[in-house]
Amino acid sequence: MIYSNIDRFMARKPVIGISMRLELETDRFYLGRDYSEALESLGAIPLHFSLIPNPQYLSEIVRRTDGILLPGSDTDVDPWLFGEEPRPNLKKIVPEKEATDLLVLEEAERMKKNVLGICFGMQILNVYRGGTLYQDIESDIENCLKHEQGRPLARESHSIRLLENSLVSKIAGDGFDKLRVNSHHHQSVKAVGSHLRPTAWAKDGVVECIEDTREDRFVLGVQWHPELSWKWDRLSRGIFEHFIAACTADDNR
């Protein structure tokens, strides 16, 4: 669903739930400021929720919010969740992160809530829907690009190709065939999950975006980090604007 007149949806600020991270060394929850600052600046109220995989707690979080943002993480998705054993280049796993995000996705699906998944968030969305991941791009994909670019984090390091008439191409508007994005991941979507379709790719074939195929909700996953570049990049800003507009529009049906 594309929103052609975003301004009219901005009368009420929607509440967007954002899952956090868990720092194993200090046993504390945390999250970088960029996600919340992007949402707040563009008209939403960000609400962090803890990695407490209690179904009742998370059901209340989803019920009280207008949409869910699943952010990036410095962890990998456990390959056990998609039927594989761990490969040598698998990085750290935080079970609380996966369990929380999966329960939130289950509740968001049941309540038909809008979802934006970024990097790890896109990957866990795909796994929740029954899809699989490449555990390590460099090991699994021949002649791959460099997808862990390092600093500066917001630098646009590689180009992407968008599927015509997809949600992400409509958000991008004119010039959607000349886009570059930042890149901070070593896992990526392999088999696409149910009710999802790939709509953007890097030149090495790595899937950079997935979208829900159903028209009654906004569910979008992007592999890059629009929260790092929304201030100057039209596509990154548009992703947040349309997500927020969808969350606000649902309240005004």
C-alpha atoms as a PDB file:
ATOM      1  CA  MET A   1       0.000   0.000   0.000  1.00  0.00           C
ATOM      2  CA  ILE A   2       1.368   3.405  -0.997  1.00  0.00           C
ATOM      3  CA  TYR A   3       0.261   6.631   0.663  1.00  0.00           C
ATOM      4  CA  SER A   4       0.071   9.440  -1.900  1.00  0.00           C
ATOM      5  CA  ASN A   5      -0.874  12.173   0.560  1.00  0.00           C
ATOM      6  CA  ILE A   6       1.232  11.563   3.639  1.00  0.00           C
ATOM      7  CA  ASP A   7       0.504  14.913   5.320  1.00  0.00           C
ATOM      8  CA  ARG A   8      -3.141  14.158   6.021  1.00  0.00           C
ATOM      9  CA  PHE A   9      -2.185  11.163   8.153  1.00  0.00           C
ATOM     10  CA  MET A  10      -0.007  13.181  10.490  1.00  0.00           C
ATOM     11  CA  ALA A  11      -2.717  14.565  12.799  1.00  0.00           C
ATOM     12  CA  ARG A  12      -2.102  11.940  15.496  1.00  0.00           C
ATOM     13  CA  LYS A  13       1.348  10.710  16.389  1.00  0.00           C
ATOM     14  CA  PRO A  14       1.494   6.915  16.261  1.00  0.00           C
ATOM     15  CA  VAL A  15       3.372   4.920  18.889  1.00  0.00           C
ATOM     16  CA  ILE A  16       6.060   2.669  17.395  1.00  0.00           C
ATOM     17  CA  GLY A  17       7.503  -0.146  19.496  1.00  0.00           C
ATOM     18  CA  ILE A  18      11.228  -0.847  19.041  1.00  0.00           C
ATOM     19  CA  SER A  19      12.922  -3.970  20.364  1.00  0.00           C
ATOM     20  CA  MET A  20      16.240  -3.452  22.136  1.00  0.00           C
ATOM     21  CA  ARG A  21      19.580  -5.274  22.273  1.00  0.00           C
ATOM     22  CA  LEU A  22      21.228  -7.159  25.128  1.00  0.00           C
ATOM     23  CA  GLU A  23      24.871  -6.489  25.967  1.00  0.00           C
ATOM     24  CA  LEU A  24      26.185  -9.792  27.321  1.00  0.00           C
ATOM     25  CA  GLU A  25      29.219  -8.271  29.060  1.00  0.00           C
ATOM     26  CA  THR A  26      27.179  -5.898  31.251  1.00  0.00           C
ATOM     27  CA  ASP A  27      23.797  -7.672  31.127  1.00  0.00           C
ATOM     28  CA  ARG A  28      22.021  -4.462  30.128  1.00  0.00           C
ATOM     29  CA  PHE A  29      19.443  -3.608  27.476  1.00  0.00           C
ATOM     30  CA  TYR A  30      20.419  -0.867  25.040  1.00  0.00           C
ATOM     31  CA  LEU A  31      19.840   0.514  21.529  1.00  0.00           C
ATOM     32  CA  GLY A  32      21.490   3.144  19.342  1.00  0.00           C
ATOM     33  CA  ARG A  33      19.754   6.503  19.223  1.00  0.00           C
ATOM     34  CA  ASP A  34      19.313   6.734  15.423  1.00  0.00           C
ATOM     35  CA  TYR A  35      16.111   4.649  15.204  1.00  0.00           C
ATOM     36  CA  SER A  36      14.277   6.680  17.821  1.00  0.00           C
ATOM     37  CA  GLU A  37      15.511  10.016  16.507  1.00  0.00           C
ATOM     38  CA  ALA A  38      14.334   9.192  12.984  1.00  0.00           C
ATOM     39  CA  LEU A  39      10.872   8.166  14.207  1.00  0.00           C
ATOM     40  CA  GLU A  40      10.448  11.149  16.528  1.00  0.00           C
ATOM     41  CA  SER A  41      11.653  13.680  13.980  1.00  0.00           C
ATOM     42  CA  LEU A  42       9.241  12.348  11.358  1.00  0.00           C
ATOM     43  CA  GLY A  43       6.163  12.372  13.559  1.00  0.00           C
ATOM     44  CA  ALA A  44       6.035   9.192  15.662  1.00  0.00           C
ATOM     45  CA  ILE A  45       6.517   8.358  19.333  1.00  0.00           C
ATOM     46  CA  PRO A  46       9.220   5.691  19.769  1.00  0.00           C
ATOM     47  CA  LEU A  47       8.703   3.201  22.601  1.00  0.00           C
ATOM     48  CA  HIS A  48      11.555   0.835  23.490  1.00  0.00           C
ATOM     49  CA  PHE A  49      10.606  -2.569  24.823  1.00  0.00           C
ATOM     50  CA  SER A  50      12.877  -4.967  26.664  1.00  0.00           C
ATOM     51  CA  LEU A  51      14.047  -8.382  25.510  1.00  0.00           C
ATOM     52  CA  ILE A  52      11.764 -10.234  27.891  1.00  0.00           C
ATOM     53  CA  PRO A  53      10.331 -13.195  25.939  1.00  0.00           C
ATOM     54  CA  ASN A  54       7.117 -13.341  27.940  1.00  0.00           C
ATOM     55  CA  PRO A  55       4.103 -13.763  25.607  1.00  0.00           C
ATOM     56  CA  GLN A  56       1.727 -11.802  27.858  1.00  0.00           C
ATOM     57  CA  TYR A  57       4.122  -8.854  28.175  1.00  0.00           C
ATOM     58  CA  LEU A  58       4.822  -8.714  24.446  1.00  0.00           C
ATOM     59  CA  SER A  59       1.164  -9.127  23.511  1.00  0.00           C
ATOM     60  CA  GLU A  60       0.418  -6.000  25.569  1.00  0.00           C
ATOM     61  CA  ILE A  61       3.278  -4.127  23.906  1.00  0.00           C
ATOM     62  CA  VAL A  62       2.001  -4.943  20.427  1.00  0.00           C
ATOM     63  CA  ARG A  63      -1.609  -4.182  21.362  1.00  0.00           C
ATOM     64  CA  ARG A  64      -0.704  -0.749  22.711  1.00  0.00           C
ATOM     65  CA  THR A  65       1.450   0.285  19.750  1.00  0.00           C
ATOM     66  CA  ASP A  66       0.528   1.216  16.197  1.00  0.00           C
ATOM     67  CA  GLY A  67       3.507  -0.491  14.595  1.00  0.00           C
ATOM     68  CA  ILE A  68       6.670  -2.429  15.357  1.00  0.00           C
ATOM     69  CA  LEU A  69      10.220  -1.596  14.288  1.00  0.00           C
ATOM     70  CA  LEU A  70      12.654  -4.514  14.535  1.00  0.00           C
ATOM     71  CA  PRO A  71      16.111  -2.908  14.355  1.00  0.00           C
ATOM     72  CA  GLY A  72      19.548  -4.176  13.480  1.00  0.00           C
ATOM     73  CA  SER A  73      21.624  -6.167  15.932  1.00  0.00           C
ATOM     74  CA  ASP A  74      25.247  -7.078  16.525  1.00  0.00           C
ATOM     75  CA  THR A  75      24.163 -10.733  16.675  1.00  0.00           C
ATOM     76  CA  ASP A  76      23.301 -13.443  14.168  1.00  0.00           C
ATOM     77  CA  VAL A  77      20.120 -15.455  13.767  1.00  0.00           C
ATOM     78  CA  ASP A  78      20.570 -18.964  15.148  1.00  0.00           C
ATOM     79  CA  PRO A  79      20.596 -21.328  12.128  1.00  0.00           C
ATOM     80  CA  TRP A  80      18.714 -23.895  14.212  1.00  0.00           C
ATOM     81  CA  LEU A  81      15.639 -21.712  13.639  1.00  0.00           C
ATOM     82  CA  PHE A  82      15.751 -22.482   9.910  1.00  0.00           C
ATOM     83  CA  GLY A  83      16.904 -26.073  10.128  1.00  0.00           C
ATOM     84  CA  GLU A  84      20.680 -25.763   9.790  1.00  0.00           C
ATOM     85  CA  GLU A  85      23.726 -26.497  11.938  1.00  0.00           C
ATOM     86  CA  PRO A  86      26.145 -23.616  12.729  1.00  0.00           C
ATOM     87  CA  ARG A  87      28.856 -22.838  10.182  1.00  0.00           C
ATOM     88  CA  PRO A  88      32.382 -21.645  11.180  1.00  0.00           C
ATOM     89  CA  ASN A  89      31.752 -17.926  10.493  1.00  0.00           C
ATOM     90  CA  LEU A  90      28.587 -17.701  12.564  1.00  0.00           C
ATOM     91  CA  LYS A  91      28.813 -14.845  15.083  1.00  0.00           C
ATOM     92  CA  LYS A  92      27.337 -14.565  18.567  1.00  0.00           C
ATOM     93  CA  ILE A  93      23.772 -15.620  19.270  1.00  0.00           C
ATOM     94  CA  VAL A  94      21.547 -13.978  21.885  1.00  0.00           C
ATOM     95  CA  PRO A  95      18.517 -16.253  22.460  1.00  0.00           C
ATOM     96  CA  GLU A  96      16.568 -13.509  24.266  1.00  0.00           C
ATOM     97  CA  LYS A  97      16.767 -11.309  21.163  1.00  0.00           C
ATOM     98  CA  GLU A  98      15.437 -13.951  18.810  1.00  0.00           C
ATOM     99  CA  ALA A  99      12.750 -15.192  21.195  1.00  0.00           C
ATOM    100  CA  THR A 100      11.469 -11.666  21.810  1.00  0.00           C
ATOM    101  CA  ASP A 101      11.406 -10.636  18.164  1.00  0.00           C
ATOM    102  CA  LEU A 102       9.709 -13.890  17.101  1.00  0.00           C
ATOM    103  CA  LEU A 103       6.988 -13.515  19.731  1.00  0.00           C
ATOM    104  CA  VAL A 104       6.450  -9.895  18.705  1.00  0.00           C
ATOM    105  CA  LEU A 105       6.138 -10.924  15.063  1.00  0.00           C
ATOM    106  CA  GLU A 106       3.604 -13.574  16.025  1.00  0.00           C
ATOM    107  CA  GLU A 107       1.483 -10.998  17.829  1.00  0.00           C
ATOM    108  CA  ALA A 108       1.912  -8.422  15.052  1.00  0.00           C
ATOM    109  CA  GLU A 109       0.711 -11.006  12.534  1.00  0.00           C
ATOM    110  CA  ARG A 110      -2.299 -11.910  14.677  1.00  0.00           C
ATOM    111  CA  MET A 111      -3.258  -8.247  15.153  1.00  0.00           C
ATOM    112  CA  LYS A 112      -2.358  -7.216  11.578  1.00  0.00           C
ATOM    113  CA  LYS A 113       0.064  -4.583  12.843  1.00  0.00           C
ATOM    114  CA  ASN A 114       2.521  -2.762  10.594  1.00  0.00           C
ATOM    115  CA  VAL A 115       6.136  -3.915  10.755  1.00  0.00           C
ATOM    116  CA  LEU A 116       9.419  -2.411   9.586  1.00  0.00           C
ATOM    117  CA  GLY A 117      12.437  -4.726   9.842  1.00  0.00           C
ATOM    118  CA  ILE A 118      15.950  -3.317   9.451  1.00  0.00           C
ATOM    119  CA  CYS A 119      18.992  -5.571   8.844  1.00  0.00           C
ATOM    120  CA  PHE A 120      18.663  -8.246  11.582  1.00  0.00           C
ATOM    121  CA  GLY A 121      14.985  -7.240  11.747  1.00  0.00           C
ATOM    122  CA  MET A 122      14.518  -8.140   8.085  1.00  0.00           C
ATOM    123  CA  GLN A 123      16.320 -11.447   8.588  1.00  0.00           C
ATOM    124  CA  ILE A 124      14.290 -12.512  11.629  1.00  0.00           C
ATOM    125  CA  LEU A 125      11.083 -11.497   9.788  1.00  0.00           C
ATOM    126  CA  ASN A 126      12.030 -13.803   6.935  1.00  0.00           C
ATOM    127  CA  VAL A 127      12.859 -16.676   9.309  1.00  0.00           C
ATOM    128  CA  TYR A 128       9.598 -16.145  11.217  1.00  0.00           C
ATOM    129  CA  ARG A 129       7.735 -16.581   7.928  1.00  0.00           C
ATOM    130  CA  GLY A 130       9.536 -19.902   7.272  1.00  0.00           C
ATOM    131  CA  GLY A 131      12.383 -18.565   5.130  1.00  0.00           C
ATOM    132  CA  THR A 132      16.093 -19.307   5.421  1.00  0.00           C
ATOM    133  CA  LEU A 133      19.324 -17.296   5.530  1.00  0.00           C
ATOM    134  CA  TYR A 134      22.820 -17.489   4.140  1.00  0.00           C
ATOM    135  CA  GLN A 135      24.830 -17.893   7.331  1.00  0.00           C
ATOM    136  CA  ASP A 136      27.828 -16.050   5.886  1.00  0.00           C
ATOM    137  CA  ILE A 137      27.714 -14.232   2.551  1.00  0.00           C
ATOM    138  CA  GLU A 138      31.443 -14.431   1.888  1.00  0.00           C
ATOM    139  CA  SER A 139      31.444 -18.221   2.357  1.00  0.00           C
ATOM    140  CA  ASP A 140      28.117 -18.940   0.672  1.00  0.00           C
ATOM    141  CA  ILE A 141      27.902 -16.591  -2.325  1.00  0.00           C
ATOM    142  CA  GLU A 142      30.508 -16.722  -5.087  1.00  0.00           C
ATOM    143  CA  ASN A 143      31.995 -13.374  -6.194  1.00  0.00           C
ATOM    144  CA  CYS A 144      30.038 -11.500  -3.544  1.00  0.00           C
ATOM    145  CA  LEU A 145      30.363  -7.806  -2.794  1.00  0.00           C
ATOM    146  CA  LYS A 146      31.720  -6.444   0.475  1.00  0.00           C
ATOM    147  CA  HIS A 147      28.646  -6.251   2.689  1.00  0.00           C
ATOM    148  CA  GLU A 148      30.419  -5.340   5.928  1.00  0.00           C
ATOM    149  CA  GLN A 149      31.653  -1.907   4.914  1.00  0.00           C
ATOM    150  CA  GLY A 150      32.849  -0.635   8.308  1.00  0.00           C
ATOM    151  CA  ARG A 151      33.173   3.073   9.066  1.00  0.00           C
ATOM    152  CA  PRO A 152      31.956   5.604   8.187  1.00  0.00           C
ATOM    153  CA  LEU A 153      28.686   3.820   8.891  1.00  0.00           C
ATOM    154  CA  ALA A 154      26.396   6.024   6.792  1.00  0.00           C
ATOM    155  CA  ARG A 155      28.513   5.866   3.630  1.00  0.00           C
ATOM    156  CA  GLU A 156      26.597   4.475   0.653  1.00  0.00           C
ATOM    157  CA  SER A 157      28.858   1.593  -0.343  1.00  0.00           C
ATOM    158  CA  HIS A 158      27.030  -0.358  -3.057  1.00  0.00           C
ATOM    159  CA  SER A 159      24.177  -0.024  -5.522  1.00  0.00           C
ATOM    160  CA  ILE A 160      20.823  -1.796  -5.446  1.00  0.00           C
ATOM    161  CA  ARG A 161      18.229  -2.700  -8.075  1.00  0.00           C
ATOM    162  CA  LEU A 162      14.549  -2.323  -7.204  1.00  0.00           C
ATOM    163  CA  LEU A 163      11.615  -4.295  -8.580  1.00  0.00           C
ATOM    164  CA  GLU A 164       9.362  -2.051 -10.631  1.00  0.00           C
ATOM    165  CA  ASN A 165       5.951  -1.277  -9.126  1.00  0.00           C
ATOM    166  CA  SER A 166       7.018  -2.575  -5.728  1.00  0.00           C
ATOM    167  CA  LEU A 167       6.361  -0.593  -2.576  1.00  0.00           C
ATOM    168  CA  VAL A 168      10.024   0.303  -2.189  1.00  0.00           C
ATOM    169  CA  SER A 169      10.288   1.483  -5.819  1.00  0.00           C
ATOM    170  CA  LYS A 170       7.225   3.688  -5.368  1.00  0.00           C
ATOM    171  CA  ILE A 171       8.736   5.147  -2.208  1.00  0.00           C
ATOM    172  CA  ALA A 172      12.002   5.800  -4.060  1.00  0.00           C
ATOM    173  CA  GLY A 173      10.211   7.573  -6.916  1.00  0.00           C
ATOM    174  CA  ASP A 174      12.114   8.825  -9.980  1.00  0.00           C
ATOM    175  CA  GLY A 175      15.652   7.578 -10.285  1.00  0.00           C
ATOM    176  CA  PHE A 176      15.013   4.403  -8.313  1.00  0.00           C
ATOM    177  CA  ASP A 177      17.387   2.555 -10.673  1.00  0.00           C
ATOM    178  CA  LYS A 178      20.383   4.642  -9.512  1.00  0.00           C
ATOM    179  CA  LEU A 179      20.362   3.999  -5.782  1.00  0.00           C
ATOM    180  CA  ARG A 180      23.190   3.214  -3.387  1.00  0.00           C
ATOM    181  CA  VAL A 181      22.903   2.073   0.220  1.00  0.00           C
ATOM    182  CA  ASN A 182      25.074   1.456   3.257  1.00  0.00           C
ATOM    183  CA  SER A 183      25.860  -2.149   4.217  1.00  0.00           C
ATOM    184  CA  HIS A 184      26.550  -3.750   7.612  1.00  0.00           C
ATOM    185  CA  HIS A 185      25.746  -7.465   7.530  1.00  0.00           C
ATOM    186  CA  HIS A 186      27.251 -10.841   6.744  1.00  0.00           C
ATOM    187  CA  GLN A 187      24.022 -12.869   6.741  1.00  0.00           C
ATOM    188  CA  SER A 188      21.251 -12.411   4.171  1.00  0.00           C
ATOM    189  CA  VAL A 189      17.955 -13.816   2.953  1.00  0.00           C
ATOM    190  CA  LYS A 190      18.211 -17.120   1.084  1.00  0.00           C
ATOM    191  CA  ALA A 191      14.783 -18.753   0.616  1.00  0.00           C
ATOM    192  CA  VAL A 192      12.036 -16.155   1.013  1.00  0.00           C
ATOM    193  CA  GLY A 193       9.327 -16.829   3.607  1.00  0.00           C
ATOM    194  CA  SER A 194       5.572 -17.054   3.116  1.00  0.00           C
ATOM    195  CA  HIS A 195       3.574 -13.987   2.088  1.00  0.00           C
ATOM    196  CA  LEU A 196       6.850 -12.218   1.273  1.00  0.00           C
ATOM    197  CA  ARG A 197       8.550 -11.309  -1.970  1.00  0.00           C
ATOM    198  CA  PRO A 198      12.022  -9.915  -2.684  1.00  0.00           C
ATOM    199  CA  THR A 199      11.910  -6.425  -4.187  1.00  0.00           C
ATOM    200  CA  ALA A 200      15.519  -5.199  -4.139  1.00  0.00           C
ATOM    201  CA  TRP A 201      18.893  -6.809  -4.806  1.00  0.00           C
ATOM    202  CA  ALA A 202      22.573  -5.961  -4.732  1.00  0.00           C
ATOM    203  CA  LYS A 203      24.560  -6.675  -7.911  1.00  0.00           C
ATOM    204  CA  ASP A 204      25.787  -9.987  -6.465  1.00  0.00           C
ATOM    205  CA  GLY A 205      22.176 -11.151  -6.031  1.00  0.00           C
ATOM    206  CA  VAL A 206      21.939 -10.566  -2.282  1.00  0.00           C
ATOM    207  CA  VAL A 207      18.338  -9.691  -1.368  1.00  0.00           C
ATOM    208  CA  GLU A 208      18.183  -6.141  -0.013  1.00  0.00           C
ATOM    209  CA  CYS A 209      14.438  -5.771   0.551  1.00  0.00           C
ATOM    210  CA  ILE A 210      11.392  -7.970   1.200  1.00  0.00           C
ATOM    211  CA  GLU A 211       7.728  -6.930   1.244  1.00  0.00           C
ATOM    212  CA  ASP A 212       4.479  -8.536   2.326  1.00  0.00           C
ATOM    213  CA  THR A 213       2.375  -9.674  -0.609  1.00  0.00           C
ATOM    214  CA  ARG A 214      -0.897  -8.859   1.167  1.00  0.00           C
ATOM    215  CA  GLU A 215      -2.535  -5.464   0.764  1.00  0.00           C
ATOM    216  CA  ASP A 216      -4.045  -5.078   4.235  1.00  0.00           C
ATOM    217  CA  ARG A 217      -0.836  -4.186   6.131  1.00  0.00           C
ATOM    218  CA  PHE A 218       2.548  -2.505   5.812  1.00  0.00           C
ATOM    219  CA  VAL A 219       5.277  -5.126   6.304  1.00  0.00           C
ATOM    220  CA  LEU A 220       8.668  -4.170   4.892  1.00  0.00           C
ATOM    221  CA  GLY A 221      12.185  -5.427   5.523  1.00  0.00           C
ATOM    222  CA  VAL A 222      15.335  -3.654   4.331  1.00  0.00           C
ATOM    223  CA  GLN A 223      18.877  -4.966   4.637  1.00  0.00           C
ATOM    224  CA  TRP A 224      20.553  -1.565   4.815  1.00  0.00           C
ATOM    225  CA  HIS A 225      20.193   1.006   7.617  1.00  0.00           C
ATOM    226  CA  PRO A 226      17.877   3.892   6.668  1.00  0.00           C
ATOM    227  CA  GLU A 227      18.122   5.245  10.233  1.00  0.00           C
ATOM    228  CA  LEU A 228      21.710   6.272   9.414  1.00  0.00           C
ATOM    229  CA  SER A 229      20.836   8.260   6.288  1.00  0.00           C
ATOM    230  CA  TRP A 230      17.236   9.504   6.573  1.00  0.00           C
ATOM    231  CA  LYS A 231      18.312  13.125   6.999  1.00  0.00           C
ATOM    232  CA  TRP A 232      19.602  13.437   3.424  1.00  0.00           C
ATOM    233  CA  ASP A 233      18.583  10.284   1.523  1.00  0.00           C
ATOM    234  CA  ARG A 234      15.119  10.392  -0.058  1.00  0.00           C
ATOM    235  CA  LEU A 235      14.555   6.628  -0.012  1.00  0.00           C
ATOM    236  CA  SER A 236      15.619   6.233   3.617  1.00  0.00           C
ATOM    237  CA  ARG A 237      13.418   9.116   4.717  1.00  0.00           C
ATOM    238  CA  GLY A 238      10.538   7.830   2.607  1.00  0.00           C
ATOM    239  CA  ILE A 239      10.677   4.403   4.247  1.00  0.00           C
ATOM    240  CA  PHE A 240      10.138   5.950   7.677  1.00  0.00           C
ATOM    241  CA  GLU A 241       7.512   8.393   6.400  1.00  0.00           C
ATOM    242  CA  HIS A 242       5.406   5.689   4.777  1.00  0.00           C
ATOM    243  CA  PHE A 243       5.747   3.367   7.753  1.00  0.00           C
ATOM    244  CA  ILE A 244       4.598   6.118  10.108  1.00  0.00           C
ATOM    245  CA  ALA A 245       1.786   7.100   7.733  1.00  0.00           C
ATOM    246  CA  ALA A 246       0.577   3.494   7.572  1.00  0.00           C
ATOM    247  CA  CYS A 247       0.547   3.257  11.374  1.00  0.00           C
ATOM    248  CA  THR A 248      -1.426   6.512  11.651  1.00  0.00           C
ATOM    249  CA  ALA A 249      -3.806   5.594   8.826  1.00  0.00           C
ATOM    250  CA  ASP A 250      -4.783   2.347  10.552  1.00  0.00           C
ATOM    251  CA  ASP A 251      -6.019   4.360  13.525  1.00  0.00           C
ATOM    252  CA  ASN A 252      -8.235   6.487  11.253  1.00  0.00           C
ATOM    253  CA  ARG A 253      -9.969   3.776   9.241  1.00  0.00           C
END
